[in-house]
């Protein structure tokens, strides 16, 4: 998905700080603490793929199921915001 950068010029697109979150596993119901970034702007921060994966997914320590926790990952390319999937 792409969106012209001019269309979002009034929006501050930045990387959010790391947050500690409480997760309830959708498979086994176990509750645990994890860390998450709501958004990552790869034009500002040079995160590698492993870090992006770590900050946008969670793995239950009880049953091992891995789930996405919905981080917005964007990069500006040729004056256009490209949303990483």
PDB file of N, CA and C in Angstrom:
ATOM      1  N   UNK A   1       0.857  -1.176   0.000  1.00  0.00           N
ATOM      2  CA  UNK A   1       0.000   0.000   0.000  1.00  0.00           C
ATOM      3  C   UNK A   1       0.895   1.228   0.000  1.00  0.00           C
ATOM      4  N   UNK A   2       0.586   2.208  -0.817  1.00  0.00           N
ATOM      5  CA  UNK A   2       1.350   3.451  -0.838  1.00  0.00           C
ATOM      6  C   UNK A   2       0.408   4.627  -0.702  1.00  0.00           C
ATOM      7  N   UNK A   3       0.940   5.711  -0.189  1.00  0.00           N
ATOM      8  CA  UNK A   3       0.176   6.935   0.005  1.00  0.00           C
ATOM      9  C   UNK A   3       1.126   8.095  -0.264  1.00  0.00           C
ATOM     10  N   UNK A   4       0.747   9.055  -1.112  1.00  0.00           N
ATOM     11  CA  UNK A   4       1.645  10.181  -1.362  1.00  0.00           C
ATOM     12  C   UNK A   4       2.023  10.881  -0.066  1.00  0.00           C
ATOM     13  N   UNK A   5       3.299  11.179   0.085  1.00  0.00           N
ATOM     14  CA  UNK A   5       3.781  11.823   1.309  1.00  0.00           C
ATOM     15  C   UNK A   5       3.091  13.168   1.541  1.00  0.00           C
ATOM     16  N   UNK A   6       2.731  13.869   0.458  1.00  0.00           N
ATOM     17  CA  UNK A   6       2.047  15.147   0.614  1.00  0.00           C
ATOM     18  C   UNK A   6       0.708  14.969   1.323  1.00  0.00           C
ATOM     19  N   UNK A   7       0.073  13.825   1.131  1.00  0.00           N
ATOM     20  CA  UNK A   7      -1.236  13.581   1.747  1.00  0.00           C
ATOM     21  C   UNK A   7      -1.133  13.416   3.251  1.00  0.00           C
ATOM     22  N   UNK A   8       0.048  13.096   3.731  1.00  0.00           N
ATOM     23  CA  UNK A   8       0.228  12.910   5.173  1.00  0.00           C
ATOM     24  C   UNK A   8       1.199  13.933   5.760  1.00  0.00           C
ATOM     25  N   UNK A   9       1.394  15.054   5.080  1.00  0.00           N
ATOM     26  CA  UNK A   9       2.385  16.023   5.540  1.00  0.00           C
ATOM     27  C   UNK A   9       2.053  16.610   6.901  1.00  0.00           C
ATOM     28  N   UNK A  10       0.800  16.598   7.303  1.00  0.00           N
ATOM     29  CA  UNK A  10       0.428  17.101   8.618  1.00  0.00           C
ATOM     30  C   UNK A  10       0.524  16.041   9.710  1.00  0.00           C
ATOM     31  N   UNK A  11       0.828  14.809   9.330  1.00  0.00           N
ATOM     32  CA  UNK A  11       0.940  13.724  10.296  1.00  0.00           C
ATOM     33  C   UNK A  11       2.414  13.519  10.627  1.00  0.00           C
ATOM     34  N   UNK A  12       2.733  13.493  11.899  1.00  0.00           N
ATOM     35  CA  UNK A  12       4.104  13.217  12.329  1.00  0.00           C
ATOM     36  C   UNK A  12       4.316  11.708  12.262  1.00  0.00           C
ATOM     37  N   UNK A  13       5.091  11.260  11.295  1.00  0.00           N
ATOM     38  CA  UNK A  13       5.349   9.841  11.138  1.00  0.00           C
ATOM     39  C   UNK A  13       6.684   9.550  11.807  1.00  0.00           C
ATOM     40  N   UNK A  14       6.602   8.916  12.965  1.00  0.00           N
ATOM     41  CA  UNK A  14       7.809   8.653  13.734  1.00  0.00           C
ATOM     42  C   UNK A  14       7.761   7.252  14.303  1.00  0.00           C
ATOM     43  N   UNK A  15       8.888   6.825  14.819  1.00  0.00           N
ATOM     44  CA  UNK A  15       8.952   5.559  15.531  1.00  0.00           C
ATOM     45  C   UNK A  15       8.517   5.814  16.964  1.00  0.00           C
ATOM     46  N   UNK A  16       7.577   5.019  17.438  1.00  0.00           N
ATOM     47  CA  UNK A  16       7.099   5.175  18.813  1.00  0.00           C
ATOM     48  C   UNK A  16       8.054   4.457  19.768  1.00  0.00           C
ATOM     49  N   UNK A  17       8.039   4.862  21.038  1.00  0.00           N
ATOM     50  CA  UNK A  17       8.901   4.196  22.022  1.00  0.00           C
ATOM     51  C   UNK A  17       8.446   2.759  22.278  1.00  0.00           C
ATOM     52  N   UNK A  18       9.350   1.964  22.799  1.00  0.00           N
ATOM     53  CA  UNK A  18       9.022   0.594  23.195  1.00  0.00           C
ATOM     54  C   UNK A  18       8.074   0.658  24.390  1.00  0.00           C
ATOM     55  N   UNK A  19       7.017  -0.163  24.336  1.00  0.00           N
ATOM     56  CA  UNK A  19       6.048  -0.243  25.435  1.00  0.00           C
ATOM     57  C   UNK A  19       6.037  -1.659  25.995  1.00  0.00           C
ATOM     58  N   UNK A  20       5.891  -1.773  27.311  1.00  0.00           N
ATOM     59  CA  UNK A  20       5.651  -3.084  27.900  1.00  0.00           C
ATOM     60  C   UNK A  20       4.145  -3.314  27.867  1.00  0.00           C
ATOM     61  N   UNK A  21       3.732  -4.495  27.398  1.00  0.00           N
ATOM     62  CA  UNK A  21       2.315  -4.804  27.272  1.00  0.00           C
ATOM     63  C   UNK A  21       2.010  -6.134  27.953  1.00  0.00           C
ATOM     64  N   UNK A  22       0.760  -6.305  28.358  1.00  0.00           N
ATOM     65  CA  UNK A  22       0.284  -7.586  28.866  1.00  0.00           C
ATOM     66  C   UNK A  22      -0.489  -8.260  27.752  1.00  0.00           C
ATOM     67  N   UNK A  23      -0.142  -9.511  27.479  1.00  0.00           N
ATOM     68  CA  UNK A  23      -0.747 -10.271  26.388  1.00  0.00           C
ATOM     69  C   UNK A  23      -1.480 -11.470  26.979  1.00  0.00           C
ATOM     70  N   UNK A  24      -2.662 -11.751  26.430  1.00  0.00           N
ATOM     71  CA  UNK A  24      -3.354 -12.994  26.770  1.00  0.00           C
ATOM     72  C   UNK A  24      -3.348 -13.869  25.528  1.00  0.00           C
ATOM     73  N   UNK A  25      -2.755 -15.047  25.637  1.00  0.00           N
ATOM     74  CA  UNK A  25      -2.633 -15.959  24.502  1.00  0.00           C
ATOM     75  C   UNK A  25      -4.015 -16.388  24.022  1.00  0.00           C
ATOM     76  N   UNK A  26      -4.223 -16.289  22.717  1.00  0.00           N
ATOM     77  CA  UNK A  26      -5.511 -16.663  22.134  1.00  0.00           C
ATOM     78  C   UNK A  26      -5.703 -18.182  22.073  1.00  0.00           C
ATOM     79  N   UNK A  27      -4.617 -18.941  22.246  1.00  0.00           N
ATOM     80  CA  UNK A  27      -4.737 -20.400  22.214  1.00  0.00           C
ATOM     81  C   UNK A  27      -4.943 -20.998  23.609  1.00  0.00           C
ATOM     82  N   UNK A  28      -4.051 -20.649  24.567  1.00  0.00           N
ATOM     83  CA  UNK A  28      -4.102 -21.309  25.875  1.00  0.00           C
ATOM     84  C   UNK A  28      -4.603 -20.409  27.008  1.00  0.00           C
ATOM     85  N   UNK A  29      -4.748 -19.100  26.750  1.00  0.00           N
ATOM     86  CA  UNK A  29      -5.256 -18.185  27.767  1.00  0.00           C
ATOM     87  C   UNK A  29      -4.213 -17.682  28.748  1.00  0.00           C
ATOM     88  N   UNK A  30      -2.958 -18.099  28.602  1.00  0.00           N
ATOM     89  CA  UNK A  30      -1.879 -17.656  29.510  1.00  0.00           C
ATOM     90  C   UNK A  30      -1.645 -16.154  29.340  1.00  0.00           C
ATOM     91  N   UNK A  31      -1.483 -15.453  30.459  1.00  0.00           N
ATOM     92  CA  UNK A  31      -1.153 -14.017  30.431  1.00  0.00           C
ATOM     93  C   UNK A  31       0.327 -13.834  30.715  1.00  0.00           C
ATOM     94  N   UNK A  32       0.962 -12.955  29.931  1.00  0.00           N
ATOM     95  CA  UNK A  32       2.394 -12.706  30.097  1.00  0.00           C
ATOM     96  C   UNK A  32       2.731 -11.292  29.629  1.00  0.00           C
ATOM     97  N   UNK A  33       3.908 -10.823  30.016  1.00  0.00           N
ATOM     98  CA  UNK A  33       4.399  -9.495  29.635  1.00  0.00           C
ATOM     99  C   UNK A  33       5.276  -9.630  28.395  1.00  0.00           C
ATOM    100  N   UNK A  34       5.195  -8.631  27.509  1.00  0.00           N
ATOM    101  CA  UNK A  34       6.040  -8.593  26.321  1.00  0.00           C
ATOM    102  C   UNK A  34       6.311  -7.127  25.983  1.00  0.00           C
ATOM    103  N   UNK A  35       7.094  -6.886  24.938  1.00  0.00           N
ATOM    104  CA  UNK A  35       7.426  -5.533  24.503  1.00  0.00           C
ATOM    105  C   UNK A  35       6.976  -5.333  23.066  1.00  0.00           C
ATOM    106  N   UNK A  36       6.640  -4.080  22.722  1.00  0.00           N
ATOM    107  CA  UNK A  36       6.000  -3.791  21.437  1.00  0.00           C
ATOM    108  C   UNK A  36       6.278  -2.345  21.048  1.00  0.00           C
ATOM    109  N   UNK A  37       6.398  -2.079  19.758  1.00  0.00           N
ATOM    110  CA  UNK A  37       6.412  -0.714  19.208  1.00  0.00           C
ATOM    111  C   UNK A  37       5.172  -0.581  18.342  1.00  0.00           C
ATOM    112  N   UNK A  38       4.373   0.461  18.568  1.00  0.00           N
ATOM    113  CA  UNK A  38       3.162   0.674  17.766  1.00  0.00           C
ATOM    114  C   UNK A  38       3.494   1.050  16.332  1.00  0.00           C
ATOM    115  N   UNK A  39       4.598   1.785  16.145  1.00  0.00           N
ATOM    116  CA  UNK A  39       4.991   2.159  14.777  1.00  0.00           C
ATOM    117  C   UNK A  39       6.505   2.244  14.672  1.00  0.00           C
ATOM    118  N   UNK A  40       6.987   1.972  13.458  1.00  0.00           N
ATOM    119  CA  UNK A  40       8.418   2.056  13.158  1.00  0.00           C
ATOM    120  C   UNK A  40       8.584   2.730  11.806  1.00  0.00           C
ATOM    121  N   UNK A  41       9.309   3.835  11.760  1.00  0.00           N
ATOM    122  CA  UNK A  41       9.571   4.555  10.524  1.00  0.00           C
ATOM    123  C   UNK A  41      10.984   4.194  10.083  1.00  0.00           C
ATOM    124  N   UNK A  42      11.085   3.358   9.066  1.00  0.00           N
ATOM    125  CA  UNK A  42      12.386   2.870   8.620  1.00  0.00           C
ATOM    126  C   UNK A  42      13.195   3.927   7.876  1.00  0.00           C
ATOM    127  N   UNK A  43      12.582   5.065   7.555  1.00  0.00           N
ATOM    128  CA  UNK A  43      13.334   6.180   6.973  1.00  0.00           C
ATOM    129  C   UNK A  43      14.109   6.923   8.063  1.00  0.00           C
ATOM    130  N   UNK A  44      13.660   6.794   9.304  1.00  0.00           N
ATOM    131  CA  UNK A  44      14.328   7.451  10.432  1.00  0.00           C
ATOM    132  C   UNK A  44      15.210   6.507  11.235  1.00  0.00           C
ATOM    133  N   UNK A  45      14.798   5.259  11.345  1.00  0.00           N
ATOM    134  CA  UNK A  45      15.488   4.284  12.181  1.00  0.00           C
ATOM    135  C   UNK A  45      15.860   3.062  11.354  1.00  0.00           C
ATOM    136  N   UNK A  46      17.108   2.646  11.467  1.00  0.00           N
ATOM    137  CA  UNK A  46      17.627   1.539  10.663  1.00  0.00           C
ATOM    138  C   UNK A  46      17.494   0.221  11.425  1.00  0.00           C
ATOM    139  N   UNK A  47      16.247  -0.240  11.604  1.00  0.00           N
ATOM    140  CA  UNK A  47      16.009  -1.501  12.297  1.00  0.00           C
ATOM    141  C   UNK A  47      16.190  -2.660  11.326  1.00  0.00           C
ATOM    142  N   UNK A  48      16.813  -3.735  11.810  1.00  0.00           N
ATOM    143  CA  UNK A  48      16.946  -4.912  10.945  1.00  0.00           C
ATOM    144  C   UNK A  48      15.665  -5.749  11.012  1.00  0.00           C
ATOM    145  N   UNK A  49      15.554  -6.703  10.104  1.00  0.00           N
ATOM    146  CA  UNK A  49      14.333  -7.519  10.004  1.00  0.00           C
ATOM    147  C   UNK A  49      14.024  -8.282  11.285  1.00  0.00           C
ATOM    148  N   UNK A  50      15.062  -8.780  11.971  1.00  0.00           N
ATOM    149  CA  UNK A  50      14.848  -9.517  13.214  1.00  0.00           C
ATOM    150  C   UNK A  50      14.227  -8.631  14.290  1.00  0.00           C
ATOM    151  N   UNK A  51      14.702  -7.376  14.397  1.00  0.00           N
ATOM    152  CA  UNK A  51      14.152  -6.453  15.393  1.00  0.00           C
ATOM    153  C   UNK A  51      12.703  -6.094  15.064  1.00  0.00           C
ATOM    154  N   UNK A  52      12.416  -5.850  13.792  1.00  0.00           N
ATOM    155  CA  UNK A  52      11.044  -5.539  13.374  1.00  0.00           C
ATOM    156  C   UNK A  52      10.120  -6.702  13.728  1.00  0.00           C
ATOM    157  N   UNK A  53      10.572  -7.914  13.453  1.00  0.00           N
ATOM    158  CA  UNK A  53       9.799  -9.118  13.795  1.00  0.00           C
ATOM    159  C   UNK A  53       9.576  -9.204  15.308  1.00  0.00           C
ATOM    160  N   UNK A  54      10.616  -8.954  16.078  1.00  0.00           N
ATOM    161  CA  UNK A  54      10.526  -9.026  17.542  1.00  0.00           C
ATOM    162  C   UNK A  54       9.540  -7.999  18.103  1.00  0.00           C
ATOM    163  N   UNK A  55       9.527  -6.788  17.548  1.00  0.00           N
ATOM    164  CA  UNK A  55       8.675  -5.725  18.065  1.00  0.00           C
ATOM    165  C   UNK A  55       7.241  -5.787  17.532  1.00  0.00           C
ATOM    166  N   UNK A  56       6.982  -6.604  16.517  1.00  0.00           N
ATOM    167  CA  UNK A  56       5.641  -6.652  15.930  1.00  0.00           C
ATOM    168  C   UNK A  56       4.954  -8.005  16.085  1.00  0.00           C
ATOM    169  N   UNK A  57       5.584  -8.922  16.830  1.00  0.00           N
ATOM    170  CA  UNK A  57       4.973 -10.222  17.108  1.00  0.00           C
ATOM    171  C   UNK A  57       5.175 -10.558  18.581  1.00  0.00           C
ATOM    172  N   UNK A  58       4.434 -11.544  19.034  1.00  0.00           N
ATOM    173  CA  UNK A  58       4.588 -12.047  20.398  1.00  0.00           C
ATOM    174  C   UNK A  58       4.479 -13.559  20.363  1.00  0.00           C
ATOM    175  N   UNK A  59       5.259 -14.223  21.228  1.00  0.00           N
ATOM    176  CA  UNK A  59       5.231 -15.680  21.322  1.00  0.00           C
ATOM    177  C   UNK A  59       4.904 -16.072  22.757  1.00  0.00           C
ATOM    178  N   UNK A  60       3.875 -16.866  22.921  1.00  0.00           N
ATOM    179  CA  UNK A  60       3.452 -17.302  24.245  1.00  0.00           C
ATOM    180  C   UNK A  60       4.524 -18.213  24.851  1.00  0.00           C
ATOM    181  N   UNK A  61       5.024 -17.876  26.054  1.00  0.00           N
ATOM    182  CA  UNK A  61       6.040 -18.723  26.678  1.00  0.00           C
ATOM    183  C   UNK A  61       5.476 -20.053  27.188  1.00  0.00           C
ATOM    184  N   UNK A  62       4.162 -20.143  27.295  1.00  0.00           N
ATOM    185  CA  UNK A  62       3.516 -21.353  27.814  1.00  0.00           C
ATOM    186  C   UNK A  62       3.305 -22.400  26.712  1.00  0.00           C
ATOM    187  N   UNK A  63       2.708 -21.983  25.582  1.00  0.00           N
ATOM    188  CA  UNK A  63       2.378 -22.953  24.532  1.00  0.00           C
ATOM    189  C   UNK A  63       3.171 -22.746  23.238  1.00  0.00           C
ATOM    190  N   UNK A  64       3.878 -21.607  23.108  1.00  0.00           N
ATOM    191  CA  UNK A  64       4.734 -21.361  21.951  1.00  0.00           C
ATOM    192  C   UNK A  64       4.053 -20.782  20.724  1.00  0.00           C
ATOM    193  N   UNK A  65       2.752 -20.471  20.809  1.00  0.00           N
ATOM    194  CA  UNK A  65       2.070 -19.909  19.650  1.00  0.00           C
ATOM    195  C   UNK A  65       2.563 -18.472  19.413  1.00  0.00           C
ATOM    196  N   UNK A  66       2.787 -18.137  18.139  1.00  0.00           N
ATOM    197  CA  UNK A  66       3.300 -16.815  17.758  1.00  0.00           C
ATOM    198  C   UNK A  66       2.210 -16.053  17.025  1.00  0.00           C
ATOM    199  N   UNK A  67       1.992 -14.799  17.419  1.00  0.00           N
ATOM    200  CA  UNK A  67       0.959 -13.961  16.811  1.00  0.00           C
ATOM    201  C   UNK A  67       1.527 -12.572  16.484  1.00  0.00           C
ATOM    202  N   UNK A  68       0.956 -11.965  15.451  1.00  0.00           N
ATOM    203  CA  UNK A  68       1.254 -10.572  15.125  1.00  0.00           C
ATOM    204  C   UNK A  68       0.518  -9.676  16.114  1.00  0.00           C
ATOM    205  N   UNK A  69       1.164  -8.575  16.524  1.00  0.00           N
ATOM    206  CA  UNK A  69       0.504  -7.629  17.430  1.00  0.00           C
ATOM    207  C   UNK A  69       0.348  -6.254  16.791  1.00  0.00           C
ATOM    208  N   UNK A  70       0.361  -6.217  15.469  1.00  0.00           N
ATOM    209  CA  UNK A  70      -0.066  -5.038  14.729  1.00  0.00           C
ATOM    210  C   UNK A  70       0.765  -3.778  14.869  1.00  0.00           C
ATOM    211  N   UNK A  71       1.979  -3.807  14.369  1.00  0.00           N
ATOM    212  CA  UNK A  71       2.794  -2.603  14.313  1.00  0.00           C
ATOM    213  C   UNK A  71       2.695  -1.985  12.927  1.00  0.00           C
ATOM    214  N   UNK A  72       2.686  -0.668  12.863  1.00  0.00           N
ATOM    215  CA  UNK A  72       2.719   0.056  11.591  1.00  0.00           C
ATOM    216  C   UNK A  72       4.187   0.275  11.230  1.00  0.00           C
ATOM    217  N   UNK A  73       4.595  -0.223  10.063  1.00  0.00           N
ATOM    218  CA  UNK A  73       5.973  -0.079   9.604  1.00  0.00           C
ATOM    219  C   UNK A  73       5.936   0.640   8.263  1.00  0.00           C
ATOM    220  N   UNK A  74       6.574   1.827   8.209  1.00  0.00           N
ATOM    221  CA  UNK A  74       6.561   2.633   6.984  1.00  0.00           C
ATOM    222  C   UNK A  74       7.971   3.043   6.591  1.00  0.00           C
ATOM    223  N   UNK A  75       8.087   3.402   5.326  1.00  0.00           N
ATOM    224  CA  UNK A  75       9.350   3.897   4.778  1.00  0.00           C
ATOM    225  C   UNK A  75       8.977   4.927   3.718  1.00  0.00           C
ATOM    226  N   UNK A  76       9.724   6.018   3.634  1.00  0.00           N
ATOM    227  CA  UNK A  76       9.476   7.005   2.583  1.00  0.00           C
ATOM    228  C   UNK A  76      10.369   6.688   1.394  1.00  0.00           C
ATOM    229  N   UNK A  77       9.745   6.522   0.228  1.00  0.00           N
ATOM    230  CA  UNK A  77      10.461   6.218  -1.008  1.00  0.00           C
ATOM    231  C   UNK A  77       9.955   7.174  -2.076  1.00  0.00           C
ATOM    232  N   UNK A  78      10.846   7.980  -2.633  1.00  0.00           N
ATOM    233  CA  UNK A  78      10.475   8.927  -3.696  1.00  0.00           C
ATOM    234  C   UNK A  78       9.275   9.782  -3.314  1.00  0.00           C
ATOM    235  N   UNK A  79       9.328  10.349  -2.107  1.00  0.00           N
ATOM    236  CA  UNK A  79       8.285  11.246  -1.609  1.00  0.00           C
ATOM    237  C   UNK A  79       6.924  10.557  -1.455  1.00  0.00           C
ATOM    238  N   UNK A  80       6.941   9.228  -1.258  1.00  0.00           N
ATOM    239  CA  UNK A  80       5.732   8.451  -1.057  1.00  0.00           C
ATOM    240  C   UNK A  80       5.920   7.543   0.151  1.00  0.00           C
ATOM    241  N   UNK A  81       4.924   7.513   1.046  1.00  0.00           N
ATOM    242  CA  UNK A  81       4.997   6.605   2.194  1.00  0.00           C
ATOM    243  C   UNK A  81       4.614   5.218   1.741  1.00  0.00           C
ATOM    244  N   UNK A  82       5.495   4.262   1.965  1.00  0.00           N
ATOM    245  CA  UNK A  82       5.258   2.865   1.620  1.00  0.00           C
ATOM    246  C   UNK A  82       5.077   2.113   2.917  1.00  0.00           C
ATOM    247  N   UNK A  83       3.922   1.446   3.055  1.00  0.00           N
ATOM    248  CA  UNK A  83       3.611   0.691   4.256  1.00  0.00           C
ATOM    249  C   UNK A  83       4.132  -0.733   4.072  1.00  0.00           C
ATOM    250  N   UNK A  84       5.041  -1.132   4.957  1.00  0.00           N
ATOM    251  CA  UNK A  84       5.622  -2.477   4.908  1.00  0.00           C
ATOM    252  C   UNK A  84       4.587  -3.463   5.423  1.00  0.00           C
ATOM    253  N   UNK A  85       4.530  -4.616   4.819  1.00  0.00           N
ATOM    254  CA  UNK A  85       3.561  -5.640   5.238  1.00  0.00           C
ATOM    255  C   UNK A  85       4.307  -6.811   5.825  1.00  0.00           C
TER     256      UNK A  85
END
